[in-house]
Protein backbone atom coordinates (compact mmCIF):
# COMPACT_ATOMS: atom_id res chain seq x y z
CA UNK A 1 -0.07 0.07 0.02
CA UNK A 2 1.41 3.42 -0.95
CA UNK A 3 2.09 5.92 1.67
CA UNK A 4 -0.85 8.24 0.84
CA UNK A 5 -3.30 5.44 0.68
CA UNK A 6 -1.95 3.96 4.10
CA UNK A 7 -2.57 7.17 5.75
CA UNK A 8 -6.11 7.43 4.28
CA UNK A 9 -6.69 3.67 5.48
CA UNK A 10 -5.51 4.68 9.00
CA UNK A 11 -7.97 7.50 9.12
CA UNK A 12 -10.90 5.25 7.66
CA UNK A 13 -10.15 2.45 10.15
CA UNK A 14 -10.07 4.94 13.04
CA UNK A 15 -13.36 6.55 12.11
CA UNK A 16 -15.06 2.96 11.92
CA UNK A 17 -13.51 1.99 15.42
CA UNK A 18 -14.33 5.17 17.08
CA UNK A 19 -17.96 5.27 15.90
CA UNK A 20 -18.44 1.71 17.11
CA UNK A 21 -16.60 2.47 20.61
CA UNK A 22 -18.88 5.70 20.89
CA UNK A 23 -21.96 3.58 20.62
CA UNK A 24 -20.66 1.01 23.12
CA UNK A 25 -19.67 3.70 25.54
CA UNK A 26 -23.21 5.12 25.42
CA UNK A 27 -24.72 1.97 26.27
CA UNK A 28 -22.29 1.25 29.09
CA UNK A 29 -23.07 4.63 30.52
CA UNK A 30 -26.97 4.26 30.18
CA UNK A 31 -27.00 1.14 32.44
CA UNK A 32 -29.20 2.60 35.38
CA UNK A 33 -29.02 -0.66 37.44
CA UNK A 34 -25.29 -1.06 36.93
CA UNK A 35 -24.01 -2.34 40.35
CA UNK A 36 -21.46 -0.67 42.12
CA UNK A 37 -18.88 -3.43 42.04
CA UNK A 38 -19.04 -3.25 38.22
CA UNK A 39 -18.28 0.64 38.21
CA UNK A 40 -14.45 -0.11 37.97
CA UNK A 41 -15.10 -1.83 34.64
CA UNK A 42 -17.09 1.15 33.33
CA UNK A 43 -14.53 3.58 34.42
CA UNK A 44 -11.61 1.42 32.84
CA UNK A 45 -13.43 1.49 29.43
CA UNK A 46 -14.23 5.03 29.72
CA UNK A 47 -10.42 5.71 30.13
CA UNK A 48 -9.66 3.77 27.14
CA UNK A 49 -12.13 5.65 25.08
CA UNK A 50 -10.77 8.85 26.15
CA UNK A 51 -7.35 7.82 25.15
CA UNK A 52 -8.70 6.66 21.73
CA UNK A 53 -10.40 10.11 21.47
CA UNK A 54 -7.26 12.17 22.12
CA UNK A 55 -5.36 9.90 19.72
CA UNK A 56 -7.83 10.61 16.92
CA UNK A 57 -7.68 14.32 17.77
CA UNK A 58 -3.96 14.48 17.28
CA UNK A 59 -4.03 12.00 14.27
CA UNK A 60 -6.24 14.33 12.14
CA UNK A 61 -5.66 17.89 13.73
CA UNK A 62 -1.91 17.62 13.82
CA UNK A 63 -1.25 17.62 10.13
CA UNK A 64 2.36 16.48 10.52
CA UNK A 65 1.46 12.90 11.17
CA UNK A 66 -0.08 12.47 7.76
CA UNK A 67 1.77 15.23 5.90
CA UNK A 68 4.97 13.34 5.96
CA UNK A 69 3.25 9.89 5.58
CA UNK A 70 5.99 8.82 3.21
CA UNK A 71 8.47 8.82 6.07
CA UNK A 72 5.94 7.16 8.62
CA UNK A 73 4.99 4.06 6.27
CA UNK A 74 6.13 1.31 8.94
CA UNK A 75 4.64 3.37 11.91
CA UNK A 76 1.39 3.89 10.11
CA UNK A 77 1.17 0.19 9.09
CA UNK A 78 1.47 -0.83 12.77
CA UNK A 79 -1.28 1.49 13.71
CA UNK A 80 -3.48 0.45 10.87
CA UNK A 81 -3.03 -3.00 12.04
CA UNK A 82 -3.93 -2.37 15.65
CA UNK A 83 -7.02 -0.27 14.57
CA UNK A 84 -8.15 -3.18 12.38
CA UNK A 85 -7.59 -5.63 15.40
CA UNK A 86 -9.81 -3.43 17.51
CA UNK A 87 -12.44 -3.03 14.93
CA UNK A 88 -12.58 -6.73 14.54
CA UNK A 89 -12.88 -7.15 18.40
CA UNK A 90 -15.96 -4.62 18.13
CA UNK A 91 -17.54 -6.55 15.24
CA UNK A 92 -20.75 -7.64 16.92
CA UNK A 93 -21.28 -4.10 18.41
CA UNK A 94 -20.62 -2.54 15.06
CA UNK A 95 -23.68 -4.60 13.68
CA UNK A 96 -25.73 -3.35 16.54
CA UNK A 97 -24.64 0.13 15.91
CA UNK A 98 -25.63 -0.10 12.20
CA UNK A 99 -29.26 -1.04 13.34
CA UNK A 100 -29.56 1.36 16.06
CA UNK A 101 -27.14 4.31 16.18
CA UNK A 102 -27.67 7.46 14.02
CA UNK A 103 -24.06 8.63 14.10
CA UNK A 104 -22.85 5.29 12.97
CA UNK A 105 -25.49 5.07 10.23
CA UNK A 106 -24.55 8.58 9.02
CA UNK A 107 -20.81 8.47 9.17
CA UNK A 108 -19.63 4.99 8.97
CA UNK A 109 -16.95 4.62 6.13
CA UNK A 110 -18.40 1.04 5.68
CA UNK A 111 -21.93 2.40 5.03
CA UNK A 112 -21.04 5.78 3.24
CA UNK A 113 -18.56 6.03 0.44
CA UNK A 114 -18.10 9.86 0.99
CA UNK A 115 -16.69 9.09 4.53
CA UNK A 116 -14.58 6.19 3.41
CA UNK A 117 -12.59 8.47 0.83
CA UNK A 118 -12.34 11.42 3.25
CA UNK A 119 -9.21 12.24 5.23
CA UNK A 120 -11.10 14.33 7.83
CA UNK A 121 -13.33 13.41 10.72
CA UNK A 122 -17.01 14.44 9.87
CA UNK A 123 -18.42 13.68 13.23
CA UNK A 124 -18.15 15.02 16.83
CA UNK A 125 -15.72 13.18 19.16
CA UNK A 126 -17.87 13.73 22.16
CA UNK A 127 -18.57 10.62 24.40
CA UNK A 128 -21.60 11.45 26.40
CA UNK A 129 -21.49 9.91 29.77
CA UNK A 130 -24.13 12.06 31.74
CA UNK A 131 -27.83 10.96 32.14
CA UNK A 132 -29.01 14.25 30.28
CA UNK A 133 -26.57 13.57 27.46
CA UNK A 134 -27.86 10.31 26.66
CA UNK A 135 -31.47 10.81 27.54
CA UNK A 136 -32.50 11.02 23.64
CA UNK A 137 -30.59 8.09 22.93
CA UNK A 138 -32.46 6.01 25.48
CA UNK A 139 -35.70 6.84 23.83
CA UNK A 140 -35.39 3.56 21.90
CA UNK A 141 -37.10 0.63 23.99
CA UNK A 142 -37.07 -2.28 21.56
CA UNK A 143 -34.72 -4.24 19.65
CA UNK A 144 -34.96 -6.41 16.48
CA UNK A 145 -33.71 -9.77 16.47
CA UNK A 146 -30.13 -10.39 15.53
CA UNK A 147 -28.51 -13.48 14.35
CA UNK A 148 -24.95 -13.24 15.73
CA UNK A 149 -22.96 -13.77 18.87
CA UNK A 150 -24.71 -14.12 22.26
CA UNK A 151 -27.67 -12.01 21.16
CA UNK A 152 -29.42 -14.78 19.35
CA UNK A 153 -31.05 -15.64 22.73
CA UNK A 154 -32.86 -12.19 22.92
CA UNK A 155 -36.53 -12.48 22.19
CA UNK A 156 -37.69 -9.82 19.68
CA UNK A 157 -39.96 -8.21 22.09
CA UNK A 158 -37.16 -7.90 24.70
CA UNK A 159 -36.83 -4.33 26.22
CA UNK A 160 -33.76 -2.34 26.11
CA UNK A 161 -32.40 -2.99 29.48
CA UNK A 162 -32.68 -6.88 28.90
CA UNK A 163 -30.81 -6.56 25.59
CA UNK A 164 -28.33 -4.36 27.09
CA UNK A 165 -27.37 -6.79 29.85
CA UNK A 166 -27.03 -9.71 27.25
CA UNK A 167 -24.17 -7.54 25.92
CA UNK A 168 -22.53 -6.33 29.20
CA UNK A 169 -22.89 -9.50 31.44
CA UNK A 170 -19.72 -8.85 33.60
CA UNK A 171 -17.48 -11.73 32.66
CA UNK A 172 -18.01 -11.10 29.03
CA UNK A 173 -17.41 -7.35 29.37
CA UNK A 174 -14.43 -8.05 31.42
CA UNK A 175 -12.82 -9.98 28.53
CA UNK A 176 -13.86 -7.25 26.12
CA UNK A 177 -12.15 -4.63 28.15
CA UNK A 178 -8.99 -6.56 28.73
CA UNK A 179 -8.53 -7.36 25.07
CA UNK A 180 -9.17 -3.66 24.25
CA UNK A 181 -6.59 -2.64 26.80
CA UNK A 182 -3.96 -5.11 25.33
CA UNK A 183 -4.28 -3.36 21.84
CA UNK A 184 -4.42 0.23 23.10
CA UNK A 185 -1.35 -0.38 25.09
CA UNK A 186 0.44 -1.27 21.78
CA UNK A 187 -0.49 2.13 20.55
CA UNK A 188 1.15 3.77 23.61
CA UNK A 189 4.31 1.85 22.71
CA UNK A 190 4.18 3.42 19.45
CA UNK A 191 3.75 7.10 20.35
CA UNK A 192 7.52 8.08 20.75
CA UNK A 193 8.20 6.12 17.47
CA UNK A 194 5.66 8.48 15.74
CA UNK A 195 7.68 11.33 16.72
CA UNK A 196 11.03 9.97 16.04
CA UNK A 197 10.18 9.09 12.43
CA UNK A 198 8.67 12.38 11.49
CA UNK A 199 10.72 15.61 11.00
CA UNK A 200 7.62 17.59 11.81
CA UNK A 201 8.46 16.90 15.59
CA UNK A 202 12.16 18.18 15.17
CA UNK A 203 10.48 21.69 15.41
CA UNK A 204 10.82 23.43 18.75
CA UNK A 205 7.52 25.36 18.18
CA UNK A 206 5.57 22.29 17.33
CA UNK A 207 6.89 20.48 20.45
CA UNK A 208 6.09 23.51 22.69
CA UNK A 209 2.35 23.18 21.54
CA UNK A 210 2.37 19.49 22.21
CA UNK A 211 3.71 19.81 25.65
CA UNK A 212 0.82 21.87 26.82
CA UNK A 213 -1.87 20.26 24.78
CA UNK A 214 -4.72 18.46 26.63
CA UNK A 215 -4.90 15.51 24.06
CA UNK A 216 -1.21 15.30 23.72
CA UNK A 217 -0.99 14.75 27.62
CA UNK A 218 -3.71 12.14 27.55
CA UNK A 219 -2.23 10.10 24.78
CA UNK A 220 1.28 10.21 26.27
CA UNK A 221 2.68 12.36 23.63
CA UNK A 222 3.60 15.42 26.06
CA UNK A 223 6.49 13.72 27.95
CA UNK A 224 8.13 12.61 24.66
CA UNK A 225 7.73 16.08 23.34
CA UNK A 226 9.61 17.40 26.48
CA UNK A 227 12.46 14.97 26.06
CA UNK A 228 12.67 15.71 22.41
CA UNK A 229 12.77 19.34 23.36
CA UNK A 230 15.54 18.86 25.73
CA UNK A 231 17.58 16.77 23.20
CA UNK A 232 17.18 19.53 20.46
CA UNK A 233 18.12 22.47 22.98
CA UNK A 234 19.77 20.85 25.96
CA UNK A 235 20.49 24.31 27.46
CA UNK A 236 16.93 25.61 27.32
CA UNK A 237 16.02 24.37 30.73
CA UNK A 238 17.16 26.98 33.31
CA UNK A 239 15.55 25.39 36.26
CA UNK A 240 17.51 25.38 39.47
CA UNK A 241 17.55 21.67 40.71
CA UNK A 242 19.75 22.27 43.64
CA UNK A 243 18.22 21.78 47.17
CA UNK A 244 19.41 24.19 49.73
CA UNK A 245 19.54 24.15 53.63
CA UNK A 246 19.42 20.32 53.90
CA UNK A 247 21.48 17.56 55.39
CA UNK A 248 21.75 14.11 53.80
CA UNK A 249 22.50 10.98 56.03
CA UNK A 250 23.35 8.10 53.52
CA UNK A 251 25.91 5.34 53.11
CA UNK A 252 29.06 7.01 52.07
CA UNK A 253 30.04 4.08 49.71
CA UNK A 254 26.80 3.49 47.92
CA UNK A 255 27.30 2.52 44.41
CA UNK A 256 23.64 2.10 43.44
CA UNK A 257 20.28 3.62 44.37
CA UNK A 258 20.07 3.57 48.20
CA UNK A 259 17.79 4.88 51.01
CA UNK A 260 18.80 8.16 52.93
CA UNK A 261 17.50 10.45 55.59
CA UNK A 262 16.89 13.96 54.46
CA UNK A 263 16.79 16.74 57.05
CA UNK A 264 15.76 20.33 56.54
CA UNK A 265 18.22 22.22 58.55
CA UNK A 266 16.25 25.45 58.45
CA UNK A 267 13.49 23.87 60.75
CA UNK A 268 13.66 24.29 64.60
CA UNK A 269 12.62 20.67 65.22
CA UNK A 270 13.63 18.96 62.00
CA UNK A 271 12.10 15.37 61.20
CA UNK A 272 14.19 13.26 59.04
CA UNK A 273 12.39 12.19 55.72
CA UNK A 274 13.39 9.11 53.83
CA UNK A 275 14.32 9.67 50.18
CA UNK A 276 16.14 7.78 47.41
CA UNK A 277 19.76 8.71 46.41
CA UNK A 278 22.10 8.10 43.60
CA UNK A 279 25.77 9.52 43.62
CA UNK A 280 27.55 10.95 40.53
CA UNK A 281 31.32 11.31 40.99
CA UNK A 282 33.60 13.86 39.30
CA UNK A 283 37.02 15.15 39.32
CA UNK A 284 40.43 13.63 39.40
CA UNK A 285 39.43 10.55 41.33
CA UNK A 286 37.55 9.26 38.71
CA UNK A 287 38.54 7.22 35.50
CA UNK A 288 38.09 10.14 33.01
CA UNK A 289 40.31 10.20 30.00
CA UNK A 290 40.07 13.91 29.83
CA UNK A 291 39.26 15.73 33.10
CA UNK A 292 36.25 17.97 32.37
CA UNK A 293 36.21 21.63 33.48
CA UNK A 294 33.87 22.56 36.26
CA UNK A 295 31.77 24.29 33.77
CA UNK A 296 31.42 21.16 31.66
CA UNK A 297 30.57 18.99 34.73
CA UNK A 298 27.91 21.43 35.90
CA UNK A 299 26.31 21.37 32.14
CA UNK A 300 26.20 17.56 32.35
CA UNK A 301 24.70 17.60 35.79
CA UNK A 302 22.19 19.92 34.87
CA UNK A 303 21.36 18.19 31.73
CA UNK A 304 20.86 14.87 33.53
CA UNK A 305 18.58 16.61 36.11
CA UNK A 306 16.49 18.04 33.39
CA UNK A 307 16.00 14.59 31.82
CA UNK A 308 15.24 12.86 35.01
CA UNK A 309 12.75 15.71 35.84
CA UNK A 310 10.78 15.40 32.76
CA UNK A 311 10.81 11.62 32.71
CA UNK A 312 10.21 10.86 36.17
CA UNK A 313 6.49 12.07 36.41
CA UNK A 314 5.18 10.55 33.23
CA UNK A 315 5.25 6.78 33.50
CA UNK A 316 8.50 6.25 31.53
CA UNK A 317 9.76 3.61 34.15
CA UNK A 318 11.99 6.27 35.84
CA UNK A 319 11.58 7.53 39.43
CA UNK A 320 10.20 10.90 40.26
CA UNK A 321 13.31 13.32 40.52
CA UNK A 322 13.36 15.59 43.52
CA UNK A 323 16.58 17.40 43.13
CA UNK A 324 20.25 17.36 43.73
CA UNK A 325 22.97 18.32 46.22
CA UNK A 326 26.60 18.96 45.32
CA UNK A 327 28.70 17.37 48.09
CA UNK A 328 31.93 18.95 47.05
CA UNK A 329 33.88 17.36 49.93
CA UNK A 330 33.24 14.06 48.44
CA UNK A 331 33.48 15.13 44.91
CA UNK A 332 30.09 13.95 44.01
CA UNK A 333 26.53 14.94 43.31
CA UNK A 334 23.67 13.35 45.26
CA UNK A 335 20.50 12.95 42.95
CA UNK A 336 17.58 12.61 44.95
CA UNK A 337 14.10 10.71 44.17
CA UNK A 338 10.87 10.12 45.85
CA UNK A 339 9.67 6.66 46.50
CA UNK A 340 7.17 5.40 43.69
CA UNK A 341 3.51 5.07 44.64
CA UNK A 342 2.00 3.02 46.19
CA UNK A 343 5.42 2.25 47.86
CA UNK A 344 6.06 3.66 51.19
CA UNK A 345 9.52 4.48 52.60
CA UNK A 346 9.60 1.20 54.57
CA UNK A 347 10.01 -0.69 51.21
CA UNK A 348 13.71 -1.07 50.11
CA UNK A 349 14.70 -0.93 46.61
CA UNK A 350 15.95 -4.13 45.17
CA UNK A 351 17.92 -4.52 41.91
CA UNK A 352 17.31 -7.26 39.33
CA UNK A 353 21.04 -8.04 39.84
CA UNK A 354 20.63 -8.59 43.49
CA UNK A 355 17.66 -10.92 42.88
CA UNK A 356 19.57 -12.98 40.62
CA UNK A 357 23.02 -13.15 42.31
CA UNK A 358 21.86 -14.50 45.83
CA UNK A 359 19.84 -17.15 47.25
CA UNK A 360 16.55 -15.50 47.90
CA UNK A 361 12.81 -16.14 48.31
CA UNK A 362 12.31 -13.12 46.10
CA UNK A 363 12.01 -15.18 42.78
CA UNK A 364 10.14 -14.19 39.53
CA UNK A 365 7.69 -16.35 37.82
CA UNK A 366 8.07 -16.69 33.90
CA UNK A 367 5.40 -13.97 33.30
CA UNK A 368 7.03 -11.61 35.63
CA UNK A 369 10.35 -12.06 33.98
CA UNK A 370 8.63 -11.28 30.66
CA UNK A 371 7.04 -8.27 32.09
CA UNK A 372 10.39 -6.85 33.35
CA UNK A 373 12.05 -7.56 30.03
CA UNK A 374 9.20 -5.85 28.21
CA UNK A 375 9.24 -2.71 30.51
CA UNK A 376 13.11 -2.71 30.03
CA UNK A 377 13.04 -2.67 26.22
CA UNK A 378 10.09 -0.41 26.01
CA UNK A 379 11.63 2.21 28.29
CA UNK A 380 14.99 2.17 26.20
CA UNK A 381 13.20 2.28 22.86
CA UNK A 382 11.15 5.50 24.17
CA UNK A 383 14.39 7.23 25.35
CA UNK A 384 16.21 6.39 22.13
CA UNK A 385 13.32 7.43 19.99
CA UNK A 386 13.33 10.88 22.00
CA UNK A 387 17.05 11.20 21.10
CA UNK A 388 18.66 10.17 24.38
CA UNK A 389 21.20 7.43 25.36
CA UNK A 390 21.25 5.92 28.92
CA UNK A 391 25.06 4.82 28.88
CA UNK A 392 24.98 2.63 31.94
CA UNK A 393 22.34 -0.08 31.24
CA UNK A 394 23.04 -3.12 33.66
CA UNK A 395 20.92 -5.28 35.91
CA UNK A 396 22.09 -3.18 38.64
CA UNK A 397 20.23 -0.19 37.12
CA UNK A 398 16.81 -2.07 36.99
CA UNK A 399 15.16 -1.61 40.40
CA UNK A 400 11.95 -2.94 42.05
CA UNK A 401 10.31 -2.17 45.34
CA UNK A 402 8.96 -5.45 46.40
CA UNK A 403 6.26 -6.27 49.01
CA UNK A 404 6.08 -9.51 50.83
CA UNK A 405 2.52 -10.78 52.31
CA UNK A 406 3.39 -13.22 54.96
CA UNK A 407 0.84 -16.10 55.70
CA UNK A 408 -0.05 -17.01 59.23
CA UNK A 409 2.80 -19.53 59.72
CA UNK A 410 5.33 -16.96 58.13
CA UNK A 411 6.74 -19.73 55.84
CA UNK A 412 8.89 -17.95 53.39
CA UNK A 413 8.05 -20.48 50.66
CA UNK A 414 4.28 -19.69 50.91
CA UNK A 415 4.66 -15.91 51.18
CA UNK A 416 3.42 -14.02 48.21
CA UNK A 417 5.95 -11.45 46.65
CA UNK A 418 4.63 -8.50 44.71
CA UNK A 419 7.44 -6.97 42.66
CA UNK A 420 5.16 -4.02 41.09
CA UNK A 421 6.82 -1.81 38.41
CA UNK A 422 10.38 -1.77 37.56
CA UNK A 423 12.52 1.41 37.42
CA UNK A 424 15.32 2.12 35.13
CA UNK A 425 17.95 4.17 37.33
CA UNK A 426 21.70 4.97 37.14
CA UNK A 427 21.56 7.31 34.11
CA UNK A 428 25.30 7.79 33.60
CA UNK A 429 25.16 11.44 32.55
CA UNK A 430 22.69 10.46 29.95
CA UNK A 431 22.81 12.68 27.16
CA UNK A 432 21.40 13.66 23.59
CA UNK A 433 22.86 11.16 21.04
CA UNK A 434 24.12 13.99 19.00
CA UNK A 435 26.07 15.62 21.83
CA UNK A 436 29.86 15.33 22.46
CA UNK A 437 30.83 12.28 24.19
CA UNK A 438 32.78 12.18 27.58
CA UNK A 439 35.33 9.64 26.98
CA UNK A 440 35.51 7.73 30.24
CA UNK A 441 36.29 4.24 31.22
CA UNK A 442 37.14 1.98 34.09
CA UNK A 443 38.53 -1.56 34.60
CA UNK A 444 35.71 -2.89 36.74
CA UNK A 445 35.08 -6.35 35.22
CA UNK A 446 31.35 -6.50 36.13
CA UNK A 447 30.77 -3.14 34.44
CA UNK A 448 33.04 -4.03 31.44
CA UNK A 449 30.61 -7.15 30.75
CA UNK A 450 27.87 -4.93 29.74
CA UNK A 451 29.81 -2.73 27.51
CA UNK A 452 30.08 -3.21 23.73
CA UNK A 453 33.35 -4.37 22.45
CA UNK A 454 34.10 -0.98 20.71
CA UNK A 455 33.64 0.74 24.28
CA UNK A 456 35.83 -1.43 26.39
CA UNK A 457 39.14 0.10 27.55
CA UNK A 458 39.85 3.63 26.67
CA UNK A 459 37.01 4.31 24.05
CA UNK A 460 37.88 5.48 20.67
CA UNK A 461 34.22 6.05 19.28
CA UNK A 462 31.48 8.11 20.59
CA UNK A 463 28.57 6.42 22.63
CA UNK A 464 25.63 5.66 20.47
CA UNK A 465 22.35 3.78 20.62
CA UNK A 466 23.97 0.58 19.54
CA UNK A 467 26.15 0.53 22.64
CA UNK A 468 23.06 0.95 24.90
CA UNK A 469 21.23 -2.02 22.87
CA UNK A 470 24.09 -4.27 23.47
CA UNK A 471 24.04 -3.65 27.27
CA UNK A 472 20.38 -4.22 27.09
CA UNK A 473 20.79 -7.55 25.28
CA UNK A 474 23.10 -8.75 28.13
CA UNK A 475 20.37 -7.74 30.57
CA UNK A 476 17.78 -9.60 28.46
CA UNK A 477 20.08 -12.77 28.51
CA UNK A 478 20.45 -12.48 32.22
CA UNK A 479 16.63 -12.32 32.70
CA UNK A 480 16.28 -15.29 30.28
CA UNK A 481 18.67 -17.70 31.97
CA UNK A 482 18.30 -16.18 35.52
CA UNK A 483 21.97 -15.77 35.94
CA UNK A 484 24.19 -12.66 36.04
CA UNK A 485 26.61 -11.76 33.37
CA UNK A 486 29.40 -12.13 35.84
CA UNK A 487 28.50 -15.72 36.64
CA UNK A 488 28.20 -16.70 32.98
CA UNK A 489 31.73 -15.12 32.50
CA UNK A 490 33.21 -16.80 35.46
CA UNK A 491 31.69 -20.28 34.41
CA UNK A 492 33.34 -20.00 30.95
CA UNK A 493 36.57 -18.55 32.38
CA UNK A 494 37.20 -21.62 34.35
CA UNK A 495 37.34 -23.67 31.22
CA UNK A 496 40.25 -21.53 29.85
CA UNK A 497 43.96 -22.42 30.33
CA UNK A 498 45.82 -20.65 33.04
CA UNK A 499 46.84 -17.01 32.12
CA UNK A 500 44.38 -16.91 29.09
CA UNK A 501 41.64 -14.30 29.13
CA UNK A 502 38.82 -13.43 26.99
CA UNK A 503 38.88 -10.70 24.39
CA UNK A 504 36.00 -8.17 24.17
CA UNK A 505 34.90 -9.97 20.99
CA UNK A 506 35.20 -13.32 22.86
CA UNK A 507 32.86 -12.08 25.70
CA UNK A 508 30.48 -10.93 23.06
CA UNK A 509 30.55 -14.24 21.20
CA UNK A 510 30.11 -16.15 24.58
CA UNK A 511 26.87 -14.37 25.40
CA UNK A 512 25.63 -15.03 21.79
CA UNK A 513 26.32 -18.56 22.09
CA UNK A 514 24.62 -18.82 25.51
CA UNK A 515 21.61 -16.83 24.05
CA UNK A 516 21.12 -19.07 21.02
CA UNK A 517 21.63 -22.33 22.97
CA UNK A 518 19.68 -21.76 26.07
CA UNK A 519 17.14 -19.10 25.60
CA UNK A 520 14.83 -21.22 23.22
CA UNK A 521 14.29 -23.42 26.11
CA UNK A 522 13.69 -20.96 28.96
CA UNK A 523 12.02 -18.15 26.99
CA UNK A 524 11.02 -19.21 23.45
CA UNK A 525 12.62 -18.61 20.11
CA UNK A 526 11.18 -15.17 19.66
CA UNK A 527 12.86 -14.04 22.83
CA UNK A 528 16.09 -15.47 21.67
CA UNK A 529 15.79 -13.75 18.40
CA UNK A 530 15.46 -10.39 20.11
CA UNK A 531 18.38 -11.11 22.44
CA UNK A 532 20.74 -12.10 19.68
CA UNK A 533 19.62 -9.07 17.61
CA UNK A 534 20.67 -6.77 20.53
CA UNK A 535 23.99 -8.65 21.20
CA UNK A 536 24.96 -8.57 17.50
CA UNK A 537 23.82 -5.02 16.93
CA UNK A 538 23.52 -5.47 13.20
CA UNK A 539 20.69 -5.08 10.68
CA UNK A 540 18.95 -2.11 12.15
CA UNK A 541 19.27 -0.22 8.89
CA UNK A 542 19.64 3.52 8.49
CA UNK A 543 19.22 5.96 11.25
CA UNK A 544 15.58 6.90 10.12
CA UNK A 545 14.59 3.26 10.12
CA UNK A 546 16.34 2.37 13.36
CA UNK A 547 13.60 2.89 15.93
CA UNK A 548 11.07 1.08 13.82
CA UNK A 549 13.36 -1.99 13.33
CA UNK A 550 14.03 -2.12 17.04
CA UNK A 551 10.30 -2.12 17.90
CA UNK A 552 9.50 -4.75 15.22
CA UNK A 553 12.41 -7.08 15.88
CA UNK A 554 13.11 -6.65 19.62
CA UNK A 555 10.00 -5.05 21.50
CA UNK A 556 7.46 -7.14 19.78
CA UNK A 557 9.45 -10.24 20.38
CA UNK A 558 9.56 -9.79 24.20
CA UNK A 559 6.05 -11.16 24.41
CA UNK A 560 4.96 -14.08 26.81
CA UNK A 561 2.10 -14.74 24.27
CA UNK A 562 4.70 -15.90 21.76
CA UNK A 563 5.48 -18.86 23.88
CA UNK A 564 2.01 -20.29 22.90
C-alpha cells in the first residue's frame, strides 16, 4: 500500500472503530442498574475511550502525522493493524450500531462512500456519559432480532435493558475490556516512534504546543515532546534543581540507588524524611580520560537533572526526581528521588542483579520475567526515540520495590511477593545522542561485561544507541537464563587455560552462544531472536529506520504470548 493510501486507510479504520466505540460507551453509561462493583469496569473502559478520542484528535488535527506519511510507512502500518484488530474485536457491536445508532449510520465509512474516501473526521468526538446527554439515545426501547454472537437468545420483544445486559454481562465485558486494553497499550508503545520518524517533530515550536496540549498529555505524547525538546536544545531548561538548607544522611560508599535520610536544617525541630539517592562522582578520582572543567561538569549534571525531571513524572519507568545536592567534599553529586507510589518509605529498593545473584525467596515467575524484560526494552526504545542514550544499562540499574505478604505461619516458601513496576535508574550522565561524548572508562570487570566491544578499554568511538542496545541484550540474557553476566563469564573463564583471558569480542561471542543455545528452552525462540539481535547490533538499517526496526524485531518479540 502506498504511503498516501496507507494514511487514508488509518483515518478510515479509526473512524469506523471510534464510531463503534462511541456506541458501546453510550450503552455502558446508560445502565441505570449497573451495580457498584461493576463501576470499575465502566471507568476502565471510559479511560480507554478517552485515550482513543485524544489519539484521533492528534491524528487528524496535527497535520504533521499524515503530511509526511511517506516517512511514516512502517509506523502507520503498525497503527493500521492495531485499529483493524480493535475493529474486529468490536465487530458484533458494530452490527448493532448499524441498526440502532444514528451517528454510525450517517458517518461509518463502511456504509458511506463519502466518509470512506475522506481524510477528515466528519463527526463529533464527544462521548456522552451524563444522564442528560444520553436521554435522547435511550428513547429506543425495543430491539430487532439479531443472528450473531450471544444476542441470538434475545426475544424480539425484549426491552432495551434486557438486551443491554446480554451484551454487558460482567465476565463477557471483562474479557472485552481486557482485550481492548491490550491493543491500546500497543498504541502507547508506538507514540514515541511516531515522533522519531517524522521531521515535523524536530521543530521546537511544534513540540512546545504538544507539551501543553490536553490531548497530547492524555495520549502520552507530552512527555516525549519534552524529552525531544531537551535533546534539540539541551541548554533551554534553566531550572535550579539544587536543594538548599538540607543535610543528607546516607551510606558513604553506596554504588547504586540507596535509601537516605533528608533533614531540613532550617526547621527548628527537623524530622528526617526518607528519600532515594544516587551518587555521581566527578573530578580527578574518577577514570576520566580527559578531566572536564567545572563548567562542563555542571552542564552535564544539569542536563541529566532536566532529563530525570521530565521523565520521572510521566510513566517512563523512571523515578520521580526531587533535586540534587553538590557534596563537594566527596567530589560527588547526590541525585534525590521520591519513593514511587504505592510504595512507602519502608520498602527497600532491590535491583534485578541482587535478585539473580543471591539465594532468596524473592524469585520471579516466567510471566513476571517477561514483564520486566518488556518494560526494560520499551523504556529504552522510548528514550532512544526521543534522542537520548542511557550509557549505563545493567541489571544493577533495574530496580523494584517488592512487598511480601506473609501467611499465618510466616513460611517464606508460601509468602506472596509482589514486585510491582520496575524502574530504570543509574543514568550515567545520559545525554542527547548527538552531543559530544565524555570519553570515560574503568576496569571494573562487572561493568565491562555490559559494554559493547568497541567501548571496552579507553574508548575511541562516541557512545551511540547501539552501545545501549548491546548492554540491554546482556540484561535480557540474564533475565532469560536467570543468571548474572558475571556468573556466566566466570563459568566460561574456568574452562580456559591458566593465564588466558577472553577478548571483548570473545565475551560478546560467549553471550551470543549462550543466548542461542539456552534461551529457546527458557523463554522461547522469539525472545532468543530479540536478544541475539541486541548482542549482534547489526541489521537495524539506516538511522531513520532504526527505531521502527528495534520495535519490530526486539520489542514485539519480548512477549510471553509468543510462547504459545
